[in-house]
Amino acid sequence: MLTRAFTKPKKSFKGYGEHSRSWSISEYDDGIVGLMDDIPLISCENHGLPLTLKEVLRTSVGVMGANNRGFTEKLVLSKGRLCALKRFRKVLVGKSEFGRTVERLAQVCRKCDYLVPITAYLYTKRFKLVLCDYYPMGSLADLLEGGRRGQTALNWNERLMIIVYAARAIAFIHAQSPPSDKNMKMNVHGNIKSSNIMINIDLTARLSDYGFVQLADCVEDSDHKEGPGTSYCENLSQKSDIFNYGLVLLDLLGGVREPGFIECIVETKESIKLGKSTFFEFDVQGRERRQALKVLDIALACTNRLAEARPSIEQILLNLGDIPNSTK
């Protein structure tokens, strides 16, 4: 059985907040929490359980991930409910715009089985939080890294299913109409990468962090630089989403996470197809190998240097549909 993702040890995060040191949620002890005003989170669910800031502070069990935009923590709420809390380091909008945008994103996520639901949010001087569903298997990045460290690796059929589910999520976003809502581009994800593809127990996948790049800015510091798998194309456009999806495919196929290797793969593609060059990081033969080679073709088309030459997500889904047994 695949190993589940574990919460990382608690860390201290400097530089959060404009005028004072800001800590990881999990670092607030009961004495500090007791001095704070208890503020209710705003629910994005019709019948969501009421939550307050103090409950969030007291139920964090540790940090799951961090980057230049913020960090994510695991919460164990009352009655054992698990949630993922995302805290932004530097938001780009004011309180009313933040709330309106998060609620709009939550509405879109509720309508799609391939996007991570947003359950609640909070905006105060110190905290800018978004609460999402928690996935105990962790992210695609977690599973791939675990397999590379000797844990049970994803087989080809599991990888293919994740590829299709992620494409369906992108297709839903790209089909949003109207494409914009005031200053918000609703038909672009903006940050597609393996660490933002969350995995269910049954290995179905959901795409997280939809629209968050339009809410939060990056804060550069030496402690929280993005690692391998970072989205390379940062222009806020559908073609950039496609490029980054192509990088996810290359990571799934051969562990390639840096755009600099793409030209090398293009040059050796025929050798890979003939079996003269090793590329796939998993054992694959016969029909499954032919399927993997078709996905490699899709990945290379997605990562074309010329944005206009990249396929649309609709074309990608059609190509995936041509692969036998590519959908459940």
Protein backbone atom coordinates (compact mmCIF):
# COMPACT_ATOMS: atom_id res chain seq x y z
CA MET A 1 0.00 0.00 0.00
CA LEU A 2 1.21 3.49 -0.71
CA THR A 3 2.63 5.36 2.23
CA ARG A 4 0.52 8.25 3.42
CA ALA A 5 1.94 11.73 3.65
CA PHE A 6 3.16 12.72 7.09
CA THR A 7 3.07 16.16 8.65
CA LYS A 8 6.48 17.78 8.78
CA PRO A 9 8.02 18.86 12.09
CA LYS A 10 6.86 22.21 13.37
CA LYS A 11 8.94 25.13 12.14
CA SER A 12 9.29 28.80 12.82
CA PHE A 13 8.47 31.12 9.93
CA LYS A 14 9.86 34.63 9.95
CA GLY A 15 8.62 37.57 8.02
CA TYR A 16 4.87 37.01 8.16
CA GLY A 17 2.90 40.14 8.85
CA GLU A 18 3.83 43.67 8.07
CA HIS A 19 4.82 45.06 11.46
CA SER A 20 5.75 42.13 13.67
CA ARG A 21 7.17 38.65 13.65
CA SER A 22 4.56 36.14 12.62
CA TRP A 23 4.66 32.52 13.66
CA SER A 24 3.49 29.22 12.37
CA ILE A 25 -0.05 28.67 13.63
CA SER A 26 1.15 25.62 15.53
CA GLU A 27 3.60 27.72 17.58
CA TYR A 28 0.91 29.68 19.41
CA ASP A 29 0.61 28.24 22.91
CA ASP A 30 -2.51 28.42 25.04
CA GLY A 31 -1.25 31.48 26.93
CA ILE A 32 -0.91 33.53 23.76
CA VAL A 33 -4.19 32.23 22.38
CA GLY A 34 -5.97 33.16 25.60
CA LEU A 35 -4.99 36.82 25.14
CA MET A 36 -6.45 37.01 21.66
CA ASP A 37 -9.93 38.03 20.66
CA ASP A 38 -11.91 35.07 19.38
CA ILE A 39 -12.95 35.86 15.81
CA PRO A 40 -15.27 33.60 13.81
CA LEU A 41 -14.08 32.31 10.46
CA ILE A 42 -16.40 33.02 7.54
CA SER A 43 -17.82 29.77 6.21
CA CYS A 44 -18.01 29.02 2.50
CA GLU A 45 -20.28 26.02 3.09
CA ASN A 46 -24.05 26.15 3.32
CA HIS A 47 -24.11 24.06 6.49
CA GLY A 48 -20.51 24.40 7.61
CA LEU A 49 -19.53 23.92 11.24
CA PRO A 50 -18.86 27.26 13.00
CA LEU A 51 -15.14 27.78 13.55
CA THR A 52 -13.21 30.46 15.38
CA LEU A 53 -9.66 31.72 15.23
CA LYS A 54 -8.87 30.27 18.66
CA GLU A 55 -10.02 26.81 17.62
CA VAL A 56 -7.84 27.02 14.53
CA LEU A 57 -4.84 28.10 16.62
CA ARG A 58 -5.33 25.32 19.15
CA THR A 59 -5.96 22.48 16.70
CA SER A 60 -2.95 22.84 14.41
CA VAL A 61 -0.68 19.80 14.67
CA GLY A 62 2.11 20.96 12.39
CA VAL A 63 3.32 22.33 9.10
CA MET A 64 2.79 20.29 5.92
CA GLY A 65 4.50 22.62 3.47
CA ALA A 66 5.86 26.11 2.91
CA ASN A 67 6.80 28.34 0.01
CA ASN A 68 7.30 32.02 -0.78
CA ARG A 69 3.57 32.73 -0.67
CA GLY A 70 2.87 31.14 2.70
CA PHE A 71 2.52 27.79 4.36
CA THR A 72 0.02 25.00 4.93
CA GLU A 73 -0.80 23.34 8.24
CA LYS A 74 -2.83 20.33 9.27
CA LEU A 75 -5.73 20.94 11.67
CA VAL A 76 -7.53 18.32 13.75
CA LEU A 77 -10.85 19.97 14.62
CA SER A 78 -13.59 18.86 17.00
CA LYS A 79 -15.10 15.44 16.28
CA GLY A 80 -11.90 14.50 14.47
CA ARG A 81 -12.50 16.51 11.32
CA LEU A 82 -9.25 17.15 9.44
CA CYS A 83 -8.59 20.32 7.46
CA ALA A 84 -5.69 21.98 5.69
CA LEU A 85 -5.10 25.62 6.61
CA LYS A 86 -3.33 27.91 4.17
CA ARG A 87 -1.85 31.09 5.53
CA PHE A 88 -0.64 33.78 3.15
CA ARG A 89 2.47 35.80 3.83
CA LYS A 90 1.62 38.92 1.83
CA VAL A 91 -1.80 39.45 0.31
CA LEU A 92 -2.35 41.66 -2.71
CA VAL A 93 -5.89 42.84 -1.91
CA GLY A 94 -7.80 44.43 0.94
CA LYS A 95 -10.20 42.74 3.32
CA SER A 96 -13.41 43.12 1.32
CA GLU A 97 -11.77 42.13 -1.97
CA PHE A 98 -10.10 39.15 -0.29
CA GLY A 99 -13.41 37.89 1.09
CA ARG A 100 -15.32 38.44 -2.13
CA THR A 101 -12.65 36.66 -4.18
CA VAL A 102 -12.33 33.65 -1.86
CA GLU A 103 -16.11 33.19 -1.84
CA ARG A 104 -16.16 33.34 -5.64
CA LEU A 105 -13.38 30.76 -5.87
CA ALA A 106 -15.20 28.57 -3.36
CA GLN A 107 -18.34 28.66 -5.51
CA VAL A 108 -16.40 27.40 -8.51
CA CYS A 109 -14.67 24.66 -6.51
CA ARG A 110 -18.00 23.39 -5.14
CA LYS A 111 -19.20 22.74 -8.68
CA CYS A 112 -16.24 20.56 -9.67
CA ASP A 113 -15.30 17.10 -8.42
CA TYR A 114 -11.69 17.69 -9.47
CA LEU A 115 -10.97 20.83 -7.40
CA VAL A 116 -10.17 20.98 -3.68
CA PRO A 117 -13.12 22.57 -1.82
CA ILE A 118 -12.62 25.80 0.13
CA THR A 119 -14.51 25.65 3.44
CA ALA A 120 -13.78 28.92 5.27
CA TYR A 121 -11.53 31.98 5.44
CA LEU A 122 -10.43 34.81 7.69
CA TYR A 123 -8.81 38.20 7.12
CA THR A 124 -7.39 40.14 10.06
CA LYS A 125 -4.39 42.41 10.52
CA ARG A 126 -2.23 39.43 11.54
CA PHE A 127 -3.91 36.48 9.81
CA LYS A 128 -5.00 35.90 6.23
CA LEU A 129 -6.24 32.32 6.19
CA VAL A 130 -8.08 29.94 3.90
CA LEU A 131 -9.36 26.58 5.14
CA CYS A 132 -9.58 23.66 2.70
CA ASP A 133 -10.31 19.94 2.75
CA TYR A 134 -7.46 17.71 3.95
CA TYR A 135 -6.13 14.73 1.96
CA PRO A 136 -4.29 12.13 4.07
CA MET A 137 -2.38 10.73 1.08
CA GLY A 138 -0.83 14.17 0.65
CA SER A 139 0.10 15.64 -2.70
CA LEU A 140 1.35 14.06 -5.90
CA ALA A 141 4.77 15.52 -5.07
CA ASP A 142 4.71 13.66 -1.73
CA LEU A 143 3.89 10.32 -3.39
CA LEU A 144 6.47 10.72 -6.13
CA GLU A 145 9.17 11.69 -3.66
CA GLY A 146 8.22 8.79 -1.40
CA GLY A 147 8.53 6.35 -4.29
CA ARG A 148 11.95 7.74 -5.14
CA ARG A 149 13.05 7.18 -1.53
CA GLY A 150 12.13 3.50 -1.66
CA GLN A 151 8.49 3.59 -0.55
CA THR A 152 5.77 2.02 -2.69
CA ALA A 153 5.80 3.85 -6.02
CA LEU A 154 2.79 4.70 -8.16
CA ASN A 155 2.27 2.23 -10.98
CA TRP A 156 1.43 3.33 -14.52
CA ASN A 157 -2.37 2.99 -14.25
CA GLU A 158 -2.35 5.08 -11.07
CA ARG A 159 -0.21 7.75 -12.72
CA LEU A 160 -2.47 7.80 -15.76
CA MET A 161 -5.58 8.24 -13.63
CA ILE A 162 -3.99 11.21 -11.84
CA ILE A 163 -2.99 12.71 -15.21
CA VAL A 164 -6.60 12.53 -16.42
CA TYR A 165 -8.12 13.91 -13.22
CA ALA A 166 -5.72 16.87 -13.23
CA ALA A 167 -6.59 17.59 -16.87
CA ARG A 168 -10.30 17.55 -16.04
CA ALA A 169 -9.71 20.06 -13.25
CA ILE A 170 -7.85 22.39 -15.60
CA ALA A 171 -10.56 22.02 -18.25
CA PHE A 172 -13.21 23.07 -15.73
CA ILE A 173 -11.22 26.17 -14.80
CA HIS A 174 -10.42 27.12 -18.39
CA ALA A 175 -14.11 26.86 -19.29
CA GLN A 176 -15.21 29.40 -16.68
CA SER A 177 -17.57 32.03 -18.04
CA PRO A 178 -17.37 34.92 -17.74
CA PRO A 179 -13.57 34.53 -17.85
CA SER A 180 -13.01 37.35 -15.38
CA ASP A 181 -14.69 38.80 -12.32
CA LYS A 182 -13.63 42.42 -11.80
CA ASN A 183 -9.83 42.15 -11.37
CA MET A 184 -9.84 38.35 -11.01
CA LYS A 185 -9.10 35.98 -13.89
CA MET A 186 -11.48 33.10 -13.24
CA ASN A 187 -10.40 30.94 -16.20
CA VAL A 188 -6.75 30.51 -15.17
CA HIS A 189 -5.28 28.47 -12.30
CA GLY A 190 -1.88 30.15 -12.18
CA ASN A 191 0.14 27.67 -10.11
CA ILE A 192 -0.16 24.13 -11.46
CA LYS A 193 2.48 21.82 -10.01
CA SER A 194 2.70 18.39 -8.43
CA SER A 195 2.53 19.75 -4.88
CA ASN A 196 -0.86 21.32 -5.72
CA ILE A 197 -2.38 18.03 -6.91
CA MET A 198 -3.92 16.37 -3.87
CA ILE A 199 -4.51 12.62 -3.77
CA ASN A 200 -7.50 10.79 -2.27
CA ILE A 201 -7.31 7.37 -0.61
CA ASP A 202 -8.58 5.79 -3.85
CA LEU A 203 -5.83 7.69 -5.75
CA THR A 204 -8.25 10.00 -7.51
CA ALA A 205 -6.87 13.53 -7.63
CA ARG A 206 -8.03 17.09 -6.97
CA LEU A 207 -6.28 20.30 -7.93
CA SER A 208 -5.70 22.80 -5.11
CA ASP A 209 -4.79 26.49 -4.81
CA TYR A 210 -7.03 27.61 -7.67
CA GLY A 211 -6.69 31.39 -8.03
CA PHE A 212 -4.51 31.85 -4.95
CA VAL A 213 -1.65 33.42 -6.94
CA GLN A 214 -3.98 36.34 -7.58
CA LEU A 215 -4.50 36.80 -3.83
CA ALA A 216 -0.98 36.46 -2.46
CA ASP A 217 2.40 37.76 -3.55
CA CYS A 218 5.74 35.98 -3.20
CA VAL A 219 8.06 37.08 -0.38
CA GLU A 220 11.65 36.27 -1.25
CA ASP A 221 13.87 34.89 1.48
CA SER A 222 16.58 32.27 1.62
CA ASP A 223 14.61 29.87 3.84
CA HIS A 224 11.59 29.29 1.63
CA LYS A 225 12.67 29.10 -1.97
CA GLU A 226 10.57 26.91 -4.23
CA GLY A 227 12.15 23.52 -4.81
CA PRO A 228 11.99 21.21 -7.82
CA GLY A 229 8.55 20.98 -9.32
CA THR A 230 7.94 24.70 -9.08
CA SER A 231 5.75 26.04 -11.85
CA TYR A 232 8.13 27.54 -14.37
CA CYS A 233 5.74 29.57 -16.52
CA GLU A 234 4.43 32.25 -14.19
CA ASN A 235 2.51 34.40 -16.68
CA LEU A 236 -1.15 34.33 -15.70
CA SER A 237 -2.58 32.70 -18.80
CA GLN A 238 -4.10 29.44 -19.97
CA LYS A 239 -1.04 28.69 -22.09
CA SER A 240 1.12 29.00 -18.96
CA ASP A 241 -1.20 26.57 -17.19
CA ILE A 242 -0.68 24.14 -20.07
CA PHE A 243 3.12 24.51 -19.85
CA ASN A 244 3.07 23.79 -16.14
CA TYR A 245 0.76 20.82 -16.65
CA GLY A 246 3.33 19.50 -19.13
CA LEU A 247 6.02 19.78 -16.45
CA VAL A 248 3.81 17.73 -14.11
CA LEU A 249 3.54 15.05 -16.80
CA LEU A 250 7.33 14.95 -17.25
CA ASP A 251 7.72 14.61 -13.48
CA LEU A 252 5.21 11.74 -13.44
CA LEU A 253 6.87 9.99 -16.35
CA GLY A 254 10.57 10.36 -15.70
CA GLY A 255 11.15 12.49 -12.65
CA VAL A 256 12.04 15.48 -14.83
CA ARG A 257 11.23 18.63 -12.87
CA GLU A 258 13.41 21.27 -14.48
CA PRO A 259 12.50 22.95 -17.80
CA GLY A 260 16.15 22.87 -18.86
CA PHE A 261 15.88 19.13 -19.55
CA ILE A 262 13.04 19.48 -22.06
CA GLU A 263 15.29 20.05 -25.08
CA CYS A 264 17.33 16.99 -24.14
CA ILE A 265 14.17 14.88 -24.04
CA VAL A 266 13.07 16.21 -27.42
CA GLU A 267 16.46 15.31 -28.90
CA THR A 268 16.38 11.76 -27.50
CA LYS A 269 12.65 11.09 -28.01
CA GLU A 270 13.19 8.64 -30.86
CA SER A 271 15.79 6.73 -28.81
CA ILE A 272 13.33 6.61 -25.92
CA LYS A 273 10.62 5.22 -28.21
CA LEU A 274 12.98 2.57 -29.57
CA GLY A 275 14.04 1.62 -26.05
CA LYS A 276 17.64 2.69 -26.61
CA SER A 277 17.45 5.44 -23.97
CA THR A 278 16.01 5.02 -20.48
CA PHE A 279 13.48 7.63 -19.46
CA PHE A 280 10.54 6.22 -17.48
CA GLU A 281 11.15 5.92 -13.75
CA PHE A 282 8.70 3.02 -13.36
CA ASP A 283 8.52 -0.43 -14.88
CA VAL A 284 6.36 -0.31 -18.00
CA GLN A 285 6.14 -2.74 -20.92
CA GLY A 286 3.97 -3.53 -23.93
CA ARG A 287 0.65 -1.69 -24.19
CA GLU A 288 1.32 0.37 -21.06
CA ARG A 289 4.64 1.53 -22.50
CA ARG A 290 2.89 2.64 -25.68
CA GLN A 291 0.41 4.58 -23.55
CA ALA A 292 3.25 6.22 -21.60
CA LEU A 293 4.93 7.24 -24.86
CA LYS A 294 1.70 8.92 -25.99
CA VAL A 295 1.59 10.86 -22.73
CA LEU A 296 5.24 11.85 -23.31
CA ASP A 297 4.19 13.29 -26.68
CA ILE A 298 1.46 15.29 -24.91
CA ALA A 299 3.95 16.54 -22.30
CA LEU A 300 6.40 17.75 -24.94
CA ALA A 301 3.60 19.50 -26.84
CA CYS A 302 2.52 21.24 -23.63
CA THR A 303 6.05 22.47 -22.92
CA ASN A 304 6.67 23.88 -26.39
CA ARG A 305 8.61 27.15 -26.17
CA LEU A 306 6.04 28.81 -28.41
CA ALA A 307 2.92 29.41 -26.35
CA GLU A 308 0.67 29.49 -29.41
CA ALA A 309 1.90 26.00 -30.40
CA ARG A 310 0.78 24.43 -27.12
CA PRO A 311 -2.47 22.44 -27.22
CA SER A 312 -5.62 23.57 -25.45
CA ILE A 313 -6.79 21.52 -22.48
CA GLU A 314 -9.69 20.30 -24.62
CA GLN A 315 -7.22 18.91 -27.16
CA ILE A 316 -5.24 17.28 -24.37
CA LEU A 317 -8.34 15.54 -23.00
CA LEU A 318 -9.21 14.29 -26.48
CA ASN A 319 -5.71 12.85 -26.83
CA LEU A 320 -5.90 11.25 -23.39
CA GLY A 321 -9.27 9.80 -24.35
CA ASP A 322 -7.61 8.07 -27.29
CA ILE A 323 -5.45 6.11 -24.85
CA PRO A 324 -7.28 2.87 -23.95
CA ASN A 325 -8.44 2.63 -20.35
CA SER A 326 -7.27 6.19 -19.63
CA THR A 327 -10.46 7.02 -17.70
CA LYS A 328 -12.34 5.24 -14.95
